[in-house]
Amino acid sequence: GIETAEQLQYLREKGVDSLQGYYFARPMPLAELLKYLPDKQQSNKGLF
């Protein structure tokens, strides 16, 4: 998983478009995840 901005940048430069890791969020229960994702998808267009 991605933990730093440098890792994110490297993978984006390599064309990776499916990313996950502590850099984005810590593990969470499903109910919390379902609340979290819509907000993140709007504020980070193209990141997820």
N, C-alpha and C. Protein backbone atom coordinates (compact mmCIF):
# COMPACT_ATOMS: atom_id res chain seq x y z
N GLY A 1 0.82 -1.19 0.00
CA GLY A 1 0.00 0.00 0.00
C GLY A 1 0.86 1.26 0.00
N ILE A 2 0.27 2.32 -0.42
CA ILE A 2 0.96 3.62 -0.51
C ILE A 2 0.95 4.30 0.86
N GLU A 3 2.12 4.75 1.28
CA GLU A 3 2.24 5.43 2.57
C GLU A 3 2.81 6.83 2.46
N THR A 4 3.38 7.20 1.31
CA THR A 4 4.00 8.51 1.17
C THR A 4 3.61 9.16 -0.16
N ALA A 5 3.75 10.49 -0.21
CA ALA A 5 3.48 11.22 -1.44
C ALA A 5 4.45 10.80 -2.54
N GLU A 6 5.67 10.46 -2.16
CA GLU A 6 6.66 10.03 -3.14
C GLU A 6 6.25 8.71 -3.81
N GLN A 7 5.72 7.78 -3.01
CA GLN A 7 5.25 6.52 -3.57
C GLN A 7 4.08 6.77 -4.53
N LEU A 8 3.17 7.64 -4.12
CA LEU A 8 2.03 7.98 -4.96
C LEU A 8 2.50 8.56 -6.29
N GLN A 9 3.40 9.52 -6.23
CA GLN A 9 3.90 10.16 -7.44
C GLN A 9 4.57 9.14 -8.36
N TYR A 10 5.40 8.28 -7.81
CA TYR A 10 6.10 7.27 -8.61
C TYR A 10 5.11 6.37 -9.34
N LEU A 11 4.12 5.87 -8.62
CA LEU A 11 3.16 4.96 -9.23
C LEU A 11 2.28 5.66 -10.26
N ARG A 12 1.90 6.90 -10.00
CA ARG A 12 1.11 7.65 -10.99
C ARG A 12 1.92 7.86 -12.27
N GLU A 13 3.22 8.16 -12.12
CA GLU A 13 4.09 8.33 -13.28
C GLU A 13 4.21 7.04 -14.09
N LYS A 14 4.07 5.90 -13.44
CA LYS A 14 4.14 4.60 -14.10
C LYS A 14 2.79 4.18 -14.68
N GLY A 15 1.76 5.03 -14.51
CA GLY A 15 0.47 4.76 -15.10
C GLY A 15 -0.48 3.95 -14.22
N VAL A 16 -0.12 3.74 -12.97
CA VAL A 16 -0.99 3.00 -12.06
C VAL A 16 -2.18 3.88 -11.68
N ASP A 17 -3.39 3.35 -11.83
CA ASP A 17 -4.56 4.16 -11.52
C ASP A 17 -5.46 3.55 -10.44
N SER A 18 -5.08 2.40 -9.91
CA SER A 18 -5.80 1.81 -8.78
C SER A 18 -4.85 1.79 -7.60
N LEU A 19 -5.15 2.60 -6.61
CA LEU A 19 -4.23 2.81 -5.49
C LEU A 19 -4.95 2.67 -4.16
N GLN A 20 -4.22 2.19 -3.16
CA GLN A 20 -4.76 2.11 -1.81
C GLN A 20 -3.60 2.15 -0.83
N GLY A 21 -3.91 2.46 0.40
CA GLY A 21 -2.88 2.45 1.43
C GLY A 21 -3.14 3.48 2.51
N TYR A 22 -2.29 3.45 3.53
CA TYR A 22 -2.42 4.36 4.66
C TYR A 22 -2.31 5.83 4.25
N TYR A 23 -1.68 6.11 3.11
CA TYR A 23 -1.58 7.49 2.64
C TYR A 23 -2.97 8.11 2.46
N PHE A 24 -3.91 7.29 2.05
CA PHE A 24 -5.27 7.76 1.79
C PHE A 24 -6.15 7.66 3.03
N ALA A 25 -6.07 6.53 3.74
CA ALA A 25 -6.91 6.32 4.93
C ALA A 25 -6.46 5.05 5.64
N ARG A 26 -6.71 5.03 6.93
CA ARG A 26 -6.47 3.83 7.74
C ARG A 26 -7.61 2.85 7.54
N PRO A 27 -7.40 1.57 7.84
CA PRO A 27 -8.49 0.61 7.75
C PRO A 27 -9.67 1.07 8.61
N MET A 28 -10.88 0.78 8.15
CA MET A 28 -12.08 1.21 8.87
C MET A 28 -13.22 0.23 8.64
N PRO A 29 -14.20 0.24 9.53
CA PRO A 29 -15.37 -0.62 9.33
C PRO A 29 -16.13 -0.23 8.07
N LEU A 30 -16.86 -1.18 7.51
CA LEU A 30 -17.59 -0.94 6.26
C LEU A 30 -18.52 0.26 6.34
N ALA A 31 -19.27 0.40 7.42
CA ALA A 31 -20.21 1.52 7.54
C ALA A 31 -19.48 2.86 7.44
N GLU A 32 -18.32 2.94 8.06
CA GLU A 32 -17.53 4.18 8.00
C GLU A 32 -16.97 4.40 6.59
N LEU A 33 -16.53 3.32 5.96
CA LEU A 33 -16.01 3.41 4.59
C LEU A 33 -17.06 3.93 3.63
N LEU A 34 -18.27 3.44 3.75
CA LEU A 34 -19.35 3.87 2.85
C LEU A 34 -19.65 5.35 2.99
N LYS A 35 -19.45 5.92 4.18
CA LYS A 35 -19.62 7.37 4.38
C LYS A 35 -18.41 8.13 3.82
N TYR A 36 -17.22 7.55 3.96
CA TYR A 36 -15.96 8.18 3.59
C TYR A 36 -15.78 8.29 2.07
N LEU A 37 -16.08 7.23 1.34
CA LEU A 37 -15.78 7.20 -0.10
C LEU A 37 -16.46 8.28 -0.92
N PRO A 38 -17.76 8.53 -0.79
CA PRO A 38 -18.36 9.58 -1.63
C PRO A 38 -17.68 10.94 -1.46
N ASP A 39 -17.31 11.30 -0.24
CA ASP A 39 -16.63 12.58 -0.01
C ASP A 39 -15.26 12.59 -0.67
N LYS A 40 -14.50 11.51 -0.55
CA LYS A 40 -13.17 11.46 -1.12
C LYS A 40 -13.21 11.43 -2.64
N GLN A 41 -14.15 10.72 -3.21
CA GLN A 41 -14.23 10.66 -4.66
C GLN A 41 -14.54 12.02 -5.26
N GLN A 42 -15.32 12.82 -4.60
CA GLN A 42 -15.62 14.17 -5.10
C GLN A 42 -14.43 15.10 -4.94
N SER A 43 -13.70 15.01 -3.83
CA SER A 43 -12.60 15.94 -3.58
C SER A 43 -11.30 15.52 -4.25
N ASN A 44 -11.21 14.28 -4.70
CA ASN A 44 -9.99 13.77 -5.33
C ASN A 44 -10.26 13.18 -6.69
N LYS A 45 -11.02 13.89 -7.52
CA LYS A 45 -11.36 13.38 -8.85
C LYS A 45 -10.12 12.84 -9.54
N GLY A 46 -10.23 11.62 -10.04
CA GLY A 46 -9.13 11.00 -10.75
C GLY A 46 -8.15 10.28 -9.85
N LEU A 47 -8.27 10.45 -8.55
CA LEU A 47 -7.33 9.80 -7.65
C LEU A 47 -7.74 8.37 -7.40
N PHE A 48 -9.04 8.10 -7.33
CA PHE A 48 -9.54 6.75 -7.07
C PHE A 48 -10.11 6.19 -8.34
